[in-house]
Amino acid sequence: MHLHDHTPKSVTDDVAAWSPEQWRGELEFESDVRIAARSRLPVLVSGSPACARTVALAIARQGRRVGRSGKVVMCDATDPDDVAASFAGLGQLSDNRNAIFLVREVHALSRAAQNELLKLVEDPLRSPRVIVSSSVSLFDRVRDGRFAVRLFYRLNSIHITSSSRRADESF
């Protein structure tokens, strides 16, 4: 399922001056997040890593509304030490299933870390919700042999594209 491409907004935007296209983009984004929140499927956010954080926090808020409060574990895939610590931290959570695992710049994961992430997304009933971001095309990485094909197709279940969004945005 590929969801909408969202209109970029800067921090200084005055919402009263938004064009109809900007309002549509904002409403589509909120709709896309609500669709993603109702599912246990992984979410791939292409473009801004800040947008993936916004999606993860919005899904966590939606989960709290229905009694599924869980932690958001953030992982920066460009830092191998953070990747190892994040996977170790997931194993220590008492309620892993209600957690959200946010992996920024997933394209930078090593093959070993890609295999660990694949194990998580292949067992959605006992694993945390997985949300990943990539500022480069994962399809190109797969084609070049630098990203696992099975992991790409698992992550591409719900795909939100954004060129830029405010990191502190909430709705």
C-alpha atoms as a PDB file:
ATOM      1  CA  MET A   1       0.000   0.000   0.000  1.00  0.00           C
ATOM      2  CA  HIS A   2       1.685   3.261  -1.081  1.00  0.00           C
ATOM      3  CA  LEU A   3       0.252   6.294   0.600  1.00  0.00           C
ATOM      4  CA  HIS A   4       0.314   9.932  -0.430  1.00  0.00           C
ATOM      5  CA  ASP A   5       3.287  12.164  -1.163  1.00  0.00           C
ATOM      6  CA  HIS A   6       3.072  15.008   1.320  1.00  0.00           C
ATOM      7  CA  THR A   7       3.600  18.700   0.730  1.00  0.00           C
ATOM      8  CA  PRO A   8       6.712  20.009   2.498  1.00  0.00           C
ATOM      9  CA  LYS A   9       6.101  22.581   5.212  1.00  0.00           C
ATOM     10  CA  SER A  10       8.662  24.759   6.932  1.00  0.00           C
ATOM     11  CA  VAL A  11       8.680  25.616  10.610  1.00  0.00           C
ATOM     12  CA  THR A  12       7.740  29.213   9.775  1.00  0.00           C
ATOM     13  CA  ASP A  13       4.606  28.330   7.785  1.00  0.00           C
ATOM     14  CA  ASP A  14       1.566  30.328   8.774  1.00  0.00           C
ATOM     15  CA  VAL A  15      -1.335  27.893   8.582  1.00  0.00           C
ATOM     16  CA  ALA A  16      -3.747  30.728   7.756  1.00  0.00           C
ATOM     17  CA  ALA A  17      -1.776  31.322   4.552  1.00  0.00           C
ATOM     18  CA  TRP A  18      -1.695  27.684   3.422  1.00  0.00           C
ATOM     19  CA  SER A  19      -2.935  26.950  -0.044  1.00  0.00           C
ATOM     20  CA  PRO A  20      -5.678  24.352  -0.608  1.00  0.00           C
ATOM     21  CA  GLU A  21      -2.950  21.931  -1.756  1.00  0.00           C
ATOM     22  CA  GLN A  22      -1.082  22.347   1.548  1.00  0.00           C
ATOM     23  CA  TRP A  23      -4.266  21.702   3.520  1.00  0.00           C
ATOM     24  CA  ARG A  24      -4.986  18.620   1.407  1.00  0.00           C
ATOM     25  CA  GLY A  25      -1.439  17.375   2.005  1.00  0.00           C
ATOM     26  CA  GLU A  26      -1.824  17.815   5.763  1.00  0.00           C
ATOM     27  CA  LEU A  27      -5.182  16.066   5.845  1.00  0.00           C
ATOM     28  CA  GLU A  28      -3.840  13.217   3.688  1.00  0.00           C
ATOM     29  CA  PHE A  29      -0.874  12.820   6.048  1.00  0.00           C
ATOM     30  CA  GLU A  30      -3.178  12.563   9.068  1.00  0.00           C
ATOM     31  CA  SER A  31      -5.320  10.061   7.186  1.00  0.00           C
ATOM     32  CA  ASP A  32      -2.266   8.002   6.215  1.00  0.00           C
ATOM     33  CA  VAL A  33      -1.070   7.900   9.833  1.00  0.00           C
ATOM     34  CA  ARG A  34      -4.504   6.767  11.021  1.00  0.00           C
ATOM     35  CA  ILE A  35      -4.489   3.993   8.400  1.00  0.00           C
ATOM     36  CA  ALA A  36      -0.999   2.929   9.499  1.00  0.00           C
ATOM     37  CA  ALA A  37      -2.005   3.044  13.183  1.00  0.00           C
ATOM     38  CA  ARG A  38      -4.817   0.533  12.637  1.00  0.00           C
ATOM     39  CA  SER A  39      -2.426  -2.065  11.268  1.00  0.00           C
ATOM     40  CA  ARG A  40       0.479  -4.089  12.691  1.00  0.00           C
ATOM     41  CA  LEU A  41       2.272  -3.955   9.337  1.00  0.00           C
ATOM     42  CA  PRO A  42       5.669  -2.243   9.118  1.00  0.00           C
ATOM     43  CA  VAL A  43       5.718   1.358   7.885  1.00  0.00           C
ATOM     44  CA  LEU A  44       8.382   2.666   5.494  1.00  0.00           C
ATOM     45  CA  VAL A  45       8.770   6.448   5.430  1.00  0.00           C
ATOM     46  CA  SER A  46      10.785   7.695   2.471  1.00  0.00           C
ATOM     47  CA  GLY A  47      12.324  11.124   2.687  1.00  0.00           C
ATOM     48  CA  SER A  48      12.690  12.950   5.967  1.00  0.00           C
ATOM     49  CA  PRO A  49      13.696  10.958   9.080  1.00  0.00           C
ATOM     50  CA  ALA A  50      11.833  13.623  11.086  1.00  0.00           C
ATOM     51  CA  CYS A  51       8.645  12.541   9.317  1.00  0.00           C
ATOM     52  CA  ALA A  52       9.206   8.944  10.481  1.00  0.00           C
ATOM     53  CA  ARG A  53       9.516  10.205  14.056  1.00  0.00           C
ATOM     54  CA  THR A  54       6.246  12.107  13.631  1.00  0.00           C
ATOM     55  CA  VAL A  55       4.576   8.942  12.291  1.00  0.00           C
ATOM     56  CA  ALA A  56       5.930   6.818  15.180  1.00  0.00           C
ATOM     57  CA  LEU A  57       4.768   9.275  17.834  1.00  0.00           C
ATOM     58  CA  ALA A  58       1.344   9.635  16.193  1.00  0.00           C
ATOM     59  CA  ILE A  59       0.915   5.844  16.062  1.00  0.00           C
ATOM     60  CA  ALA A  60       1.967   5.639  19.718  1.00  0.00           C
ATOM     61  CA  ARG A  61      -0.696   8.252  20.602  1.00  0.00           C
ATOM     62  CA  GLN A  62      -3.309   6.312  18.616  1.00  0.00           C
ATOM     63  CA  GLY A  63      -2.294   3.141  20.485  1.00  0.00           C
ATOM     64  CA  ARG A  64      -2.673   4.826  23.873  1.00  0.00           C
ATOM     65  CA  ARG A  65      -6.229   5.796  22.927  1.00  0.00           C
ATOM     66  CA  VAL A  66      -7.142   2.137  22.574  1.00  0.00           C
ATOM     67  CA  GLY A  67      -5.221   0.943  25.626  1.00  0.00           C
ATOM     68  CA  ARG A  68      -1.966  -0.143  23.984  1.00  0.00           C
ATOM     69  CA  SER A  69       0.608   2.045  25.635  1.00  0.00           C
ATOM     70  CA  GLY A  70       4.137   1.133  24.726  1.00  0.00           C
ATOM     71  CA  LYS A  71       7.592   2.567  24.487  1.00  0.00           C
ATOM     72  CA  VAL A  72       9.106   3.999  21.318  1.00  0.00           C
ATOM     73  CA  VAL A  73      12.633   2.636  20.858  1.00  0.00           C
ATOM     74  CA  MET A  74      14.602   4.789  18.423  1.00  0.00           C
ATOM     75  CA  CYS A  75      17.587   3.473  16.514  1.00  0.00           C
ATOM     76  CA  ASP A  76      19.990   5.435  14.318  1.00  0.00           C
ATOM     77  CA  ALA A  77      21.160   2.905  11.717  1.00  0.00           C
ATOM     78  CA  THR A  78      24.145   5.072  10.774  1.00  0.00           C
ATOM     79  CA  ASP A  79      25.692   4.314  14.217  1.00  0.00           C
ATOM     80  CA  PRO A  80      26.572   0.597  14.638  1.00  0.00           C
ATOM     81  CA  ASP A  81      26.819   0.977  18.437  1.00  0.00           C
ATOM     82  CA  ASP A  82      23.300   2.447  18.569  1.00  0.00           C
ATOM     83  CA  VAL A  83      21.987  -0.411  16.409  1.00  0.00           C
ATOM     84  CA  ALA A  84      23.445  -3.041  18.767  1.00  0.00           C
ATOM     85  CA  ALA A  85      22.162  -1.200  21.861  1.00  0.00           C
ATOM     86  CA  SER A  86      18.691  -0.758  20.337  1.00  0.00           C
ATOM     87  CA  PHE A  87      18.296  -4.454  19.499  1.00  0.00           C
ATOM     88  CA  ALA A  88      19.551  -5.357  22.984  1.00  0.00           C
ATOM     89  CA  GLY A  89      17.107  -2.878  24.517  1.00  0.00           C
ATOM     90  CA  LEU A  90      14.188  -4.452  22.660  1.00  0.00           C
ATOM     91  CA  GLY A  91      15.006  -7.789  24.269  1.00  0.00           C
ATOM     92  CA  GLN A  92      14.786  -6.236  27.732  1.00  0.00           C
ATOM     93  CA  LEU A  93      11.315  -4.733  27.300  1.00  0.00           C
ATOM     94  CA  SER A  94       8.653  -6.437  29.380  1.00  0.00           C
ATOM     95  CA  ASP A  95       5.918  -5.745  26.804  1.00  0.00           C
ATOM     96  CA  ASN A  96       7.687  -6.003  23.470  1.00  0.00           C
ATOM     97  CA  ARG A  97       4.489  -6.363  21.436  1.00  0.00           C
ATOM     98  CA  ASN A  98       3.172  -2.896  22.297  1.00  0.00           C
ATOM     99  CA  ALA A  99       6.506  -1.174  21.673  1.00  0.00           C
ATOM    100  CA  ILE A 100       7.366   0.736  18.517  1.00  0.00           C
ATOM    101  CA  PHE A 101      10.814   0.218  16.992  1.00  0.00           C
ATOM    102  CA  LEU A 102      11.789   3.264  14.914  1.00  0.00           C
ATOM    103  CA  VAL A 103      14.849   2.765  12.713  1.00  0.00           C
ATOM    104  CA  ARG A 104      16.193   5.953  11.143  1.00  0.00           C
ATOM    105  CA  GLU A 105      18.121   5.593   7.857  1.00  0.00           C
ATOM    106  CA  VAL A 106      17.444   1.859   7.566  1.00  0.00           C
ATOM    107  CA  HIS A 107      19.489   1.706   4.356  1.00  0.00           C
ATOM    108  CA  ALA A 108      22.650   2.037   6.484  1.00  0.00           C
ATOM    109  CA  LEU A 109      22.083  -1.230   8.412  1.00  0.00           C
ATOM    110  CA  SER A 110      24.701  -3.950   8.095  1.00  0.00           C
ATOM    111  CA  ARG A 111      23.612  -7.318   6.663  1.00  0.00           C
ATOM    112  CA  ALA A 112      23.600  -8.816  10.165  1.00  0.00           C
ATOM    113  CA  ALA A 113      21.360  -6.019  11.462  1.00  0.00           C
ATOM    114  CA  GLN A 114      19.110  -6.380   8.395  1.00  0.00           C
ATOM    115  CA  ASN A 115      18.687 -10.066   9.278  1.00  0.00           C
ATOM    116  CA  GLU A 116      17.759  -9.161  12.877  1.00  0.00           C
ATOM    117  CA  LEU A 117      15.209  -6.618  11.630  1.00  0.00           C
ATOM    118  CA  LEU A 118      13.785  -9.205   9.218  1.00  0.00           C
ATOM    119  CA  LYS A 119      13.187 -11.574  12.160  1.00  0.00           C
ATOM    120  CA  LEU A 120      11.193  -8.813  13.887  1.00  0.00           C
ATOM    121  CA  VAL A 121       8.981  -8.000  10.899  1.00  0.00           C
ATOM    122  CA  GLU A 122       8.338 -11.669  10.145  1.00  0.00           C
ATOM    123  CA  ASP A 123       6.868 -12.200  13.620  1.00  0.00           C
ATOM    124  CA  PRO A 124       4.442  -9.278  14.091  1.00  0.00           C
ATOM    125  CA  LEU A 125       2.396 -10.989  16.809  1.00  0.00           C
ATOM    126  CA  ARG A 126       5.297 -11.132  19.276  1.00  0.00           C
ATOM    127  CA  SER A 127       7.478  -8.291  17.990  1.00  0.00           C
ATOM    128  CA  PRO A 128       7.287  -4.522  18.321  1.00  0.00           C
ATOM    129  CA  ARG A 129       5.675  -2.405  15.620  1.00  0.00           C
ATOM    130  CA  VAL A 130       8.425  -1.504  13.122  1.00  0.00           C
ATOM    131  CA  ILE A 131       8.665   1.920  11.496  1.00  0.00           C
ATOM    132  CA  VAL A 132      11.671   2.729   9.340  1.00  0.00           C
ATOM    133  CA  SER A 133      12.883   5.732   7.409  1.00  0.00           C
ATOM    134  CA  SER A 134      15.280   6.113   4.543  1.00  0.00           C
ATOM    135  CA  SER A 135      16.443   9.247   2.800  1.00  0.00           C
ATOM    136  CA  VAL A 136      17.707   7.197  -0.137  1.00  0.00           C
ATOM    137  CA  SER A 137      15.823   4.815  -2.411  1.00  0.00           C
ATOM    138  CA  LEU A 138      15.698   1.350  -0.876  1.00  0.00           C
ATOM    139  CA  PHE A 139      14.671  -0.004  -4.264  1.00  0.00           C
ATOM    140  CA  ASP A 140      18.013   1.218  -5.671  1.00  0.00           C
ATOM    141  CA  ARG A 141      19.844  -0.371  -2.722  1.00  0.00           C
ATOM    142  CA  VAL A 142      18.088  -3.687  -3.379  1.00  0.00           C
ATOM    143  CA  ARG A 143      18.914  -3.501  -7.080  1.00  0.00           C
ATOM    144  CA  ASP A 144      22.580  -2.813  -6.230  1.00  0.00           C
ATOM    145  CA  GLY A 145      22.650  -5.761  -3.805  1.00  0.00           C
ATOM    146  CA  ARG A 146      23.218  -3.579  -0.719  1.00  0.00           C
ATOM    147  CA  PHE A 147      19.835  -4.238   0.919  1.00  0.00           C
ATOM    148  CA  ALA A 148      18.027  -7.543   1.503  1.00  0.00           C
ATOM    149  CA  VAL A 149      15.172  -8.154  -0.948  1.00  0.00           C
ATOM    150  CA  ARG A 150      12.951  -9.968   1.596  1.00  0.00           C
ATOM    151  CA  LEU A 151      13.386  -7.175   4.131  1.00  0.00           C
ATOM    152  CA  PHE A 152      12.558  -4.513   1.542  1.00  0.00           C
ATOM    153  CA  TYR A 153       9.297  -6.200   0.572  1.00  0.00           C
ATOM    154  CA  ARG A 154       8.327  -6.719   4.232  1.00  0.00           C
ATOM    155  CA  LEU A 155       9.055  -3.073   5.083  1.00  0.00           C
ATOM    156  CA  ASN A 156       7.272  -1.731   2.018  1.00  0.00           C
ATOM    157  CA  SER A 157       3.829  -2.872   3.284  1.00  0.00           C
ATOM    158  CA  ILE A 158       2.730   0.666   4.165  1.00  0.00           C
ATOM    159  CA  HIS A 159       4.773   3.348   2.437  1.00  0.00           C
ATOM    160  CA  ILE A 160       4.529   7.060   3.244  1.00  0.00           C
ATOM    161  CA  THR A 161       6.578   9.470   1.143  1.00  0.00           C
ATOM    162  CA  SER A 162       7.595  12.896   2.352  1.00  0.00           C
ATOM    163  CA  SER A 163      10.287  15.307   1.278  1.00  0.00           C
ATOM    164  CA  SER A 164      10.261  17.227   4.534  1.00  0.00           C
ATOM    165  CA  ARG A 165       8.125  17.663   7.650  1.00  0.00           C
ATOM    166  CA  ARG A 166       8.585  19.422  10.951  1.00  0.00           C
ATOM    167  CA  ALA A 167      10.132  17.157  13.563  1.00  0.00           C
ATOM    168  CA  ASP A 168       8.057  18.669  16.373  1.00  0.00           C
ATOM    169  CA  GLU A 169       4.765  18.514  14.508  1.00  0.00           C
ATOM    170  CA  SER A 170       1.812  16.915  16.219  1.00  0.00           C
ATOM    171  CA  PHE A 171      -1.878  16.664  15.581  1.00  0.00           C
END
